[in-house]
């Protein structure tokens, strides 16, 4: 599945790279990090990259990536939506689609990602949940307030059980 009621994932291409970096700058989030020991610089390739598109009007809301696939069967998910175009809930739908793609297309046991409390509930969690691995307090400023950024992981077995 690559779409929900509100958003769809469309493969991103090299031609989208400048728009991706502009979106990341507008979000105020810079979480596209190189794994320790990597020296190629910020242009390293992702394992999968998508435009996140609003189904109702066709506008590109931002991008969703899968990156840092490792031999232990883990992959990272990053979703970067333009704050001026994003509507509450679109981010959680984009993350869910990206996680679903990761489990369908890669031999991974775990997807690691981050979200705000606005979308945390879409994954059956709340602040203080034991499955939350990290919290960056007041890390994002969006819609007139500061938001915490929560790091969590989704296990393949949990994902399949919930489907």
N, C-alpha and C. Protein backbone atom coordinates (compact mmCIF):
# COMPACT_ATOMS: atom_id res chain seq x y z
N UNK A 1 0.85 -1.18 0.00
CA UNK A 1 0.00 0.00 0.00
C UNK A 1 0.89 1.24 0.00
N UNK A 2 0.61 2.16 -0.90
CA UNK A 2 1.38 3.39 -0.94
C UNK A 2 0.49 4.63 -0.84
N UNK A 3 -0.75 4.45 -0.38
CA UNK A 3 -1.61 5.62 -0.17
C UNK A 3 -2.60 5.35 0.94
N UNK A 4 -3.06 6.44 1.52
CA UNK A 4 -4.12 6.42 2.53
C UNK A 4 -5.23 7.32 2.00
N UNK A 5 -6.17 7.60 2.85
CA UNK A 5 -7.27 8.48 2.45
C UNK A 5 -6.77 9.87 2.06
N UNK A 6 -5.72 10.36 2.75
CA UNK A 6 -5.26 11.73 2.52
C UNK A 6 -3.96 11.89 1.77
N UNK A 7 -3.03 10.93 1.91
CA UNK A 7 -1.71 11.10 1.30
C UNK A 7 -1.32 9.89 0.47
N UNK A 8 -0.39 10.12 -0.44
CA UNK A 8 0.19 9.01 -1.19
C UNK A 8 1.69 9.22 -1.27
N UNK A 9 2.40 8.12 -1.38
CA UNK A 9 3.85 8.16 -1.57
C UNK A 9 4.12 7.96 -3.05
N UNK A 10 4.94 8.86 -3.60
CA UNK A 10 5.35 8.75 -4.99
C UNK A 10 6.88 8.70 -5.00
N UNK A 11 7.48 7.80 -5.76
CA UNK A 11 8.95 7.73 -5.76
C UNK A 11 9.59 9.08 -6.06
N UNK A 12 10.57 9.44 -5.25
CA UNK A 12 11.33 10.68 -5.48
C UNK A 12 12.52 10.34 -6.37
N UNK A 13 12.98 11.32 -7.11
CA UNK A 13 14.11 11.13 -8.01
C UNK A 13 15.22 12.11 -7.65
N UNK A 14 16.35 11.99 -8.32
CA UNK A 14 17.47 12.91 -8.09
C UNK A 14 17.05 14.35 -8.37
N UNK A 15 16.09 14.55 -9.27
CA UNK A 15 15.62 15.91 -9.59
C UNK A 15 14.91 16.56 -8.40
N UNK A 16 14.49 15.77 -7.42
CA UNK A 16 13.80 16.29 -6.23
C UNK A 16 14.74 16.68 -5.10
N UNK A 17 16.04 16.46 -5.27
CA UNK A 17 16.99 16.67 -4.18
C UNK A 17 16.97 18.10 -3.64
N UNK A 18 16.95 19.10 -4.51
CA UNK A 18 16.95 20.50 -4.04
C UNK A 18 15.67 20.79 -3.24
N UNK A 19 14.53 20.30 -3.72
CA UNK A 19 13.27 20.49 -2.98
C UNK A 19 13.32 19.78 -1.63
N UNK A 20 13.93 18.60 -1.59
CA UNK A 20 14.07 17.88 -0.32
C UNK A 20 14.85 18.72 0.69
N UNK A 21 16.01 19.24 0.29
CA UNK A 21 16.82 20.01 1.23
C UNK A 21 16.12 21.30 1.65
N UNK A 22 15.37 21.93 0.76
CA UNK A 22 14.59 23.12 1.15
C UNK A 22 13.53 22.74 2.18
N UNK A 23 12.89 21.60 1.99
CA UNK A 23 11.87 21.13 2.94
C UNK A 23 12.51 20.86 4.30
N UNK A 24 13.64 20.19 4.32
CA UNK A 24 14.32 19.91 5.59
C UNK A 24 14.66 21.21 6.31
N UNK A 25 15.14 22.21 5.58
CA UNK A 25 15.46 23.49 6.20
C UNK A 25 14.22 24.17 6.76
N UNK A 26 13.09 24.09 6.06
CA UNK A 26 11.86 24.71 6.54
C UNK A 26 11.30 24.00 7.75
N UNK A 27 11.54 22.71 7.90
CA UNK A 27 11.00 21.97 9.05
C UNK A 27 11.71 22.33 10.35
N UNK A 28 12.95 22.79 10.24
CA UNK A 28 13.73 23.03 11.44
C UNK A 28 14.31 21.76 12.02
N UNK A 29 14.12 20.64 11.33
CA UNK A 29 14.65 19.36 11.78
C UNK A 29 15.81 18.99 10.89
N UNK A 30 16.91 18.63 11.49
CA UNK A 30 18.03 18.10 10.69
C UNK A 30 18.38 16.78 11.32
N UNK A 31 17.67 15.75 10.90
CA UNK A 31 17.93 14.44 11.49
C UNK A 31 18.43 13.44 10.46
N UNK A 32 18.86 13.94 9.32
CA UNK A 32 19.47 13.05 8.33
C UNK A 32 20.95 12.99 8.68
N UNK A 33 21.30 12.02 9.54
CA UNK A 33 22.67 11.93 10.04
C UNK A 33 23.40 10.78 9.37
N UNK A 34 24.69 10.95 9.23
CA UNK A 34 25.51 9.87 8.71
C UNK A 34 25.83 8.90 9.84
N UNK A 35 25.78 7.63 9.57
CA UNK A 35 26.22 6.68 10.59
C UNK A 35 27.70 6.93 10.91
N UNK A 36 28.10 6.61 12.11
CA UNK A 36 29.48 6.78 12.53
C UNK A 36 30.42 6.09 11.55
N UNK A 37 31.48 6.81 11.18
CA UNK A 37 32.48 6.23 10.29
C UNK A 37 32.25 6.53 8.83
N UNK A 38 31.07 7.07 8.47
CA UNK A 38 30.80 7.38 7.08
C UNK A 38 31.45 8.72 6.74
N UNK A 39 32.02 8.82 5.56
CA UNK A 39 32.73 10.05 5.20
C UNK A 39 32.30 10.62 3.87
N UNK A 40 31.25 10.06 3.25
CA UNK A 40 30.87 10.54 1.93
C UNK A 40 30.20 11.90 1.93
N UNK A 41 29.76 12.41 3.07
CA UNK A 41 29.10 13.69 3.11
C UNK A 41 27.59 13.54 3.03
N UNK A 42 26.87 14.67 3.05
CA UNK A 42 25.42 14.63 3.16
C UNK A 42 24.71 14.12 1.92
N UNK A 43 25.39 13.90 0.82
CA UNK A 43 24.71 13.46 -0.39
C UNK A 43 24.62 11.93 -0.47
N UNK A 44 24.87 11.22 0.62
CA UNK A 44 24.78 9.76 0.58
C UNK A 44 23.38 9.36 0.14
N UNK A 45 23.29 8.19 -0.43
CA UNK A 45 22.03 7.70 -0.97
C UNK A 45 21.13 7.13 0.12
N UNK A 46 19.85 7.30 -0.10
CA UNK A 46 18.87 6.65 0.77
C UNK A 46 18.56 5.27 0.18
N UNK A 47 17.94 4.44 0.96
CA UNK A 47 17.55 3.12 0.48
C UNK A 47 16.22 3.19 -0.27
N UNK A 48 15.40 4.18 0.06
CA UNK A 48 14.16 4.46 -0.67
C UNK A 48 13.77 5.90 -0.35
N UNK A 49 13.27 6.62 -1.34
CA UNK A 49 12.88 8.02 -1.14
C UNK A 49 11.56 8.27 -1.85
N UNK A 50 10.68 9.00 -1.15
CA UNK A 50 9.35 9.27 -1.68
C UNK A 50 8.97 10.73 -1.52
N UNK A 51 8.18 11.24 -2.45
CA UNK A 51 7.46 12.48 -2.25
C UNK A 51 6.20 12.09 -1.47
N UNK A 52 5.81 12.91 -0.51
CA UNK A 52 4.55 12.73 0.20
C UNK A 52 3.58 13.73 -0.44
N UNK A 53 2.53 13.21 -1.07
CA UNK A 53 1.63 14.03 -1.87
C UNK A 53 0.24 14.07 -1.23
N UNK A 54 -0.35 15.27 -1.16
CA UNK A 54 -1.72 15.44 -0.70
C UNK A 54 -2.64 14.94 -1.82
N UNK A 55 -3.44 13.92 -1.54
CA UNK A 55 -4.28 13.32 -2.57
C UNK A 55 -5.37 14.27 -3.08
N UNK A 56 -5.83 15.18 -2.22
CA UNK A 56 -6.95 16.04 -2.63
C UNK A 56 -6.54 17.10 -3.65
N UNK A 57 -5.30 17.61 -3.56
CA UNK A 57 -4.91 18.67 -4.50
C UNK A 57 -3.62 18.39 -5.27
N UNK A 58 -2.97 17.27 -4.99
CA UNK A 58 -1.75 16.90 -5.72
C UNK A 58 -0.49 17.62 -5.29
N UNK A 59 -0.56 18.46 -4.24
CA UNK A 59 0.62 19.20 -3.79
C UNK A 59 1.57 18.26 -3.05
N UNK A 60 2.86 18.48 -3.27
CA UNK A 60 3.89 17.73 -2.55
C UNK A 60 4.03 18.36 -1.16
N UNK A 61 3.70 17.59 -0.13
CA UNK A 61 3.78 18.06 1.26
C UNK A 61 5.20 17.97 1.81
N UNK A 62 6.00 17.07 1.25
CA UNK A 62 7.36 16.85 1.73
C UNK A 62 7.88 15.52 1.23
N UNK A 63 8.75 14.92 2.04
CA UNK A 63 9.45 13.72 1.61
C UNK A 63 9.51 12.71 2.75
N UNK A 64 9.61 11.45 2.38
CA UNK A 64 9.78 10.38 3.34
C UNK A 64 10.90 9.48 2.83
N UNK A 65 11.82 9.12 3.73
CA UNK A 65 12.99 8.34 3.35
C UNK A 65 13.14 7.10 4.21
N UNK A 66 13.76 6.10 3.62
CA UNK A 66 14.28 4.96 4.36
C UNK A 66 15.78 4.97 4.13
N UNK A 67 16.56 4.91 5.20
CA UNK A 67 18.01 5.02 5.07
C UNK A 67 18.71 4.27 6.19
N UNK A 68 20.00 4.11 6.05
CA UNK A 68 20.85 3.46 7.06
C UNK A 68 20.46 2.00 7.28
N UNK A 69 20.13 1.30 6.21
CA UNK A 69 19.87 -0.13 6.29
C UNK A 69 21.15 -0.81 6.77
N UNK A 70 21.03 -1.64 7.82
CA UNK A 70 22.23 -2.28 8.33
C UNK A 70 22.11 -3.80 8.31
N UNK A 71 23.21 -4.46 8.58
CA UNK A 71 23.24 -5.92 8.52
C UNK A 71 22.47 -6.57 9.67
N UNK A 72 22.16 -5.81 10.69
CA UNK A 72 21.40 -6.35 11.82
C UNK A 72 19.90 -6.41 11.52
N UNK A 73 19.49 -5.92 10.36
CA UNK A 73 18.08 -5.95 10.00
C UNK A 73 17.30 -4.74 10.48
N UNK A 74 17.98 -3.60 10.58
CA UNK A 74 17.34 -2.36 11.00
C UNK A 74 17.43 -1.34 9.87
N UNK A 75 16.44 -0.45 9.81
CA UNK A 75 16.46 0.64 8.85
C UNK A 75 15.83 1.85 9.54
N UNK A 76 16.27 3.04 9.17
CA UNK A 76 15.71 4.27 9.74
C UNK A 76 14.71 4.87 8.78
N UNK A 77 13.69 5.50 9.34
CA UNK A 77 12.65 6.17 8.58
C UNK A 77 12.67 7.65 8.95
N UNK A 78 12.67 8.52 7.96
CA UNK A 78 12.60 9.95 8.21
C UNK A 78 11.53 10.56 7.33
N UNK A 79 10.62 11.32 7.92
CA UNK A 79 9.57 11.99 7.17
C UNK A 79 9.69 13.48 7.44
N UNK A 80 9.78 14.27 6.37
CA UNK A 80 10.04 15.70 6.45
C UNK A 80 8.97 16.42 5.67
N UNK A 81 8.00 17.00 6.37
CA UNK A 81 6.89 17.68 5.72
C UNK A 81 7.02 19.19 5.90
N UNK A 82 6.70 19.93 4.85
CA UNK A 82 6.74 21.38 4.89
C UNK A 82 5.73 21.87 5.92
N UNK A 83 6.17 22.62 6.93
CA UNK A 83 5.24 23.06 7.99
C UNK A 83 4.09 23.91 7.46
N UNK A 84 4.29 24.63 6.36
CA UNK A 84 3.23 25.47 5.82
C UNK A 84 2.17 24.66 5.09
N UNK A 85 2.50 23.46 4.64
CA UNK A 85 1.56 22.63 3.89
C UNK A 85 0.99 21.48 4.70
N UNK A 86 1.68 21.12 5.78
CA UNK A 86 1.31 19.95 6.56
C UNK A 86 0.02 20.18 7.34
N UNK A 87 -0.79 19.19 7.39
CA UNK A 87 -1.99 19.17 8.22
C UNK A 87 -1.80 18.07 9.25
N UNK A 88 -2.31 18.32 10.46
CA UNK A 88 -2.16 17.32 11.52
C UNK A 88 -2.70 15.98 11.04
N UNK A 89 -1.92 14.95 11.24
CA UNK A 89 -2.30 13.61 10.83
C UNK A 89 -1.65 13.15 9.55
N UNK A 90 -1.31 14.08 8.66
CA UNK A 90 -0.66 13.69 7.40
C UNK A 90 0.69 13.06 7.68
N UNK A 91 1.40 13.56 8.67
CA UNK A 91 2.72 13.02 9.01
C UNK A 91 2.63 11.59 9.49
N UNK A 92 1.66 11.29 10.35
CA UNK A 92 1.55 9.91 10.85
C UNK A 92 1.15 8.97 9.72
N UNK A 93 0.32 9.43 8.78
CA UNK A 93 -0.04 8.59 7.64
C UNK A 93 1.18 8.33 6.76
N UNK A 94 2.00 9.35 6.53
CA UNK A 94 3.20 9.19 5.71
C UNK A 94 4.20 8.25 6.37
N UNK A 95 4.37 8.38 7.69
CA UNK A 95 5.28 7.48 8.41
C UNK A 95 4.77 6.05 8.34
N UNK A 96 3.47 5.85 8.55
CA UNK A 96 2.90 4.51 8.51
C UNK A 96 3.08 3.87 7.13
N UNK A 97 2.86 4.64 6.07
CA UNK A 97 3.06 4.13 4.72
C UNK A 97 4.52 3.74 4.49
N UNK A 98 5.44 4.58 5.00
CA UNK A 98 6.86 4.32 4.81
C UNK A 98 7.29 3.08 5.59
N UNK A 99 6.80 2.93 6.81
CA UNK A 99 7.10 1.73 7.60
C UNK A 99 6.56 0.50 6.89
N UNK A 100 5.34 0.58 6.39
CA UNK A 100 4.75 -0.54 5.67
C UNK A 100 5.61 -0.92 4.47
N UNK A 101 6.08 0.07 3.73
CA UNK A 101 6.94 -0.17 2.57
C UNK A 101 8.24 -0.86 3.02
N UNK A 102 8.81 -0.38 4.12
CA UNK A 102 10.08 -0.96 4.62
C UNK A 102 9.92 -2.45 4.89
N UNK A 103 8.85 -2.83 5.58
CA UNK A 103 8.65 -4.23 5.90
C UNK A 103 8.30 -5.06 4.67
N UNK A 104 7.63 -4.45 3.70
CA UNK A 104 7.26 -5.18 2.48
C UNK A 104 8.45 -5.38 1.54
N UNK A 105 9.38 -4.43 1.51
CA UNK A 105 10.42 -4.45 0.48
C UNK A 105 11.82 -4.81 0.98
N UNK A 106 12.05 -4.73 2.28
CA UNK A 106 13.39 -5.00 2.82
C UNK A 106 13.31 -6.12 3.84
N UNK A 107 14.37 -6.86 3.95
CA UNK A 107 14.47 -7.92 4.95
C UNK A 107 14.95 -7.30 6.26
N UNK A 108 14.03 -6.60 6.93
CA UNK A 108 14.36 -5.92 8.18
C UNK A 108 13.43 -6.40 9.29
N UNK A 109 13.93 -6.37 10.50
CA UNK A 109 13.15 -6.72 11.69
C UNK A 109 12.62 -5.49 12.39
N UNK A 110 13.27 -4.32 12.14
CA UNK A 110 12.97 -3.12 12.92
C UNK A 110 13.11 -1.87 12.06
N UNK A 111 12.13 -0.95 12.23
CA UNK A 111 12.20 0.37 11.62
C UNK A 111 12.29 1.37 12.76
N UNK A 112 13.28 2.25 12.69
CA UNK A 112 13.51 3.25 13.72
C UNK A 112 13.10 4.61 13.16
N UNK A 113 12.30 5.37 13.93
CA UNK A 113 11.80 6.65 13.44
C UNK A 113 11.57 7.63 14.59
N UNK A 114 11.15 8.85 14.24
CA UNK A 114 10.87 9.90 15.22
C UNK A 114 9.58 10.61 14.81
N UNK A 115 8.83 11.09 15.82
CA UNK A 115 7.63 11.87 15.56
C UNK A 115 7.33 12.77 16.75
N UNK A 116 6.36 13.68 16.58
CA UNK A 116 5.93 14.53 17.68
C UNK A 116 4.75 13.88 18.40
N UNK A 117 4.34 14.50 19.52
CA UNK A 117 3.19 13.96 20.24
C UNK A 117 1.91 14.07 19.41
N UNK A 118 1.89 14.94 18.40
CA UNK A 118 0.71 15.05 17.54
C UNK A 118 0.45 13.76 16.78
N UNK A 119 1.49 13.03 16.46
CA UNK A 119 1.34 11.80 15.68
C UNK A 119 1.62 10.54 16.50
N UNK A 120 2.12 10.68 17.69
CA UNK A 120 2.50 9.52 18.49
C UNK A 120 1.33 8.58 18.72
N UNK A 121 0.15 9.12 18.95
CA UNK A 121 -1.04 8.31 19.19
C UNK A 121 -1.42 7.43 18.02
N UNK A 122 -1.06 7.85 16.80
CA UNK A 122 -1.36 7.06 15.61
C UNK A 122 -0.59 5.74 15.63
N UNK A 123 0.43 5.65 16.46
CA UNK A 123 1.22 4.42 16.58
C UNK A 123 0.93 3.70 17.89
N UNK A 124 -0.19 4.07 18.52
CA UNK A 124 -0.61 3.40 19.74
C UNK A 124 0.26 3.73 20.94
N UNK A 125 0.90 4.89 20.92
CA UNK A 125 1.77 5.30 22.02
C UNK A 125 1.35 6.67 22.54
N UNK A 126 1.87 7.01 23.70
CA UNK A 126 1.67 8.34 24.28
C UNK A 126 2.96 8.72 24.99
N UNK A 127 3.12 10.01 25.31
CA UNK A 127 4.32 10.40 26.06
C UNK A 127 4.45 9.56 27.32
N UNK A 128 5.67 9.11 27.60
CA UNK A 128 5.93 8.26 28.74
C UNK A 128 5.83 6.77 28.45
N UNK A 129 5.37 6.42 27.25
CA UNK A 129 5.27 5.02 26.85
C UNK A 129 6.65 4.38 26.91
N UNK A 130 6.73 3.15 27.40
CA UNK A 130 8.02 2.47 27.53
C UNK A 130 8.68 2.19 26.19
N UNK A 131 7.90 2.19 25.09
CA UNK A 131 8.47 1.93 23.77
C UNK A 131 9.17 3.16 23.19
N UNK A 132 8.97 4.33 23.79
CA UNK A 132 9.66 5.53 23.34
C UNK A 132 11.11 5.44 23.80
N UNK A 133 12.03 5.49 22.84
CA UNK A 133 13.45 5.31 23.14
C UNK A 133 14.15 6.60 23.52
N UNK A 134 13.66 7.73 22.98
CA UNK A 134 14.31 9.01 23.27
C UNK A 134 13.29 10.13 23.14
N UNK A 135 13.54 11.24 23.86
CA UNK A 135 12.69 12.42 23.77
C UNK A 135 13.59 13.64 23.69
N UNK A 136 13.41 14.42 22.63
CA UNK A 136 14.10 15.70 22.51
C UNK A 136 13.07 16.77 22.87
N UNK A 137 13.19 17.35 24.05
CA UNK A 137 12.22 18.30 24.57
C UNK A 137 12.20 19.58 23.74
N UNK A 138 11.00 20.04 23.41
CA UNK A 138 10.79 21.31 22.68
C UNK A 138 11.70 21.44 21.47
N UNK A 139 11.88 20.35 20.74
CA UNK A 139 12.82 20.31 19.62
C UNK A 139 12.30 21.01 18.37
N UNK A 140 10.98 21.00 18.15
CA UNK A 140 10.40 21.60 16.95
C UNK A 140 9.47 22.73 17.33
N UNK A 141 9.45 23.76 16.50
CA UNK A 141 8.46 24.83 16.65
C UNK A 141 7.54 24.76 15.45
N UNK A 142 6.26 24.49 15.68
CA UNK A 142 5.31 24.28 14.60
C UNK A 142 3.93 24.70 15.09
N UNK A 143 3.19 25.41 14.25
CA UNK A 143 1.84 25.85 14.56
C UNK A 143 1.76 26.59 15.90
N UNK A 144 2.72 27.49 16.11
CA UNK A 144 2.68 28.37 17.26
C UNK A 144 3.08 27.77 18.59
N UNK A 145 3.69 26.60 18.56
CA UNK A 145 4.13 26.02 19.83
C UNK A 145 5.35 25.14 19.63
N UNK A 146 6.00 24.81 20.74
CA UNK A 146 7.12 23.87 20.72
C UNK A 146 6.59 22.45 20.89
N UNK A 147 7.23 21.51 20.19
CA UNK A 147 6.83 20.11 20.24
C UNK A 147 8.03 19.25 20.63
N UNK A 148 7.78 18.23 21.44
CA UNK A 148 8.81 17.25 21.74
C UNK A 148 8.94 16.31 20.54
N UNK A 149 10.14 15.79 20.33
CA UNK A 149 10.38 14.82 19.27
C UNK A 149 10.67 13.48 19.94
N UNK A 150 9.85 12.48 19.63
CA UNK A 150 9.95 11.16 20.25
C UNK A 150 10.56 10.16 19.28
N UNK A 151 11.59 9.45 19.74
CA UNK A 151 12.20 8.39 18.95
C UNK A 151 11.63 7.05 19.37
N UNK A 152 11.27 6.23 18.40
CA UNK A 152 10.74 4.91 18.71
C UNK A 152 11.08 3.95 17.58
N UNK A 153 10.81 2.70 17.82
CA UNK A 153 11.05 1.69 16.79
C UNK A 153 9.81 0.80 16.66
N UNK A 154 9.65 0.28 15.46
CA UNK A 154 8.54 -0.63 15.19
C UNK A 154 9.15 -1.96 14.78
N UNK A 155 8.75 -3.01 15.47
CA UNK A 155 9.22 -4.36 15.17
C UNK A 155 8.31 -4.98 14.10
N UNK A 156 8.90 -5.75 13.20
CA UNK A 156 8.11 -6.41 12.15
C UNK A 156 6.96 -7.23 12.76
N UNK A 157 7.24 -8.00 13.81
CA UNK A 157 6.21 -8.86 14.41
C UNK A 157 5.02 -8.02 14.92
N UNK A 158 5.30 -6.87 15.54
CA UNK A 158 4.24 -5.99 16.02
C UNK A 158 3.44 -5.43 14.85
N UNK A 159 4.13 -5.04 13.79
CA UNK A 159 3.49 -4.45 12.63
C UNK A 159 2.55 -5.46 11.96
N UNK A 160 3.03 -6.68 11.80
CA UNK A 160 2.21 -7.69 11.16
C UNK A 160 1.02 -8.07 12.03
N UNK A 161 1.22 -8.10 13.33
CA UNK A 161 0.14 -8.43 14.25
C UNK A 161 -0.96 -7.38 14.20
N UNK A 162 -0.57 -6.12 14.08
CA UNK A 162 -1.55 -5.02 14.05
C UNK A 162 -2.27 -4.90 12.71
N UNK A 163 -1.71 -5.50 11.66
CA UNK A 163 -2.31 -5.36 10.32
C UNK A 163 -3.58 -6.13 10.15
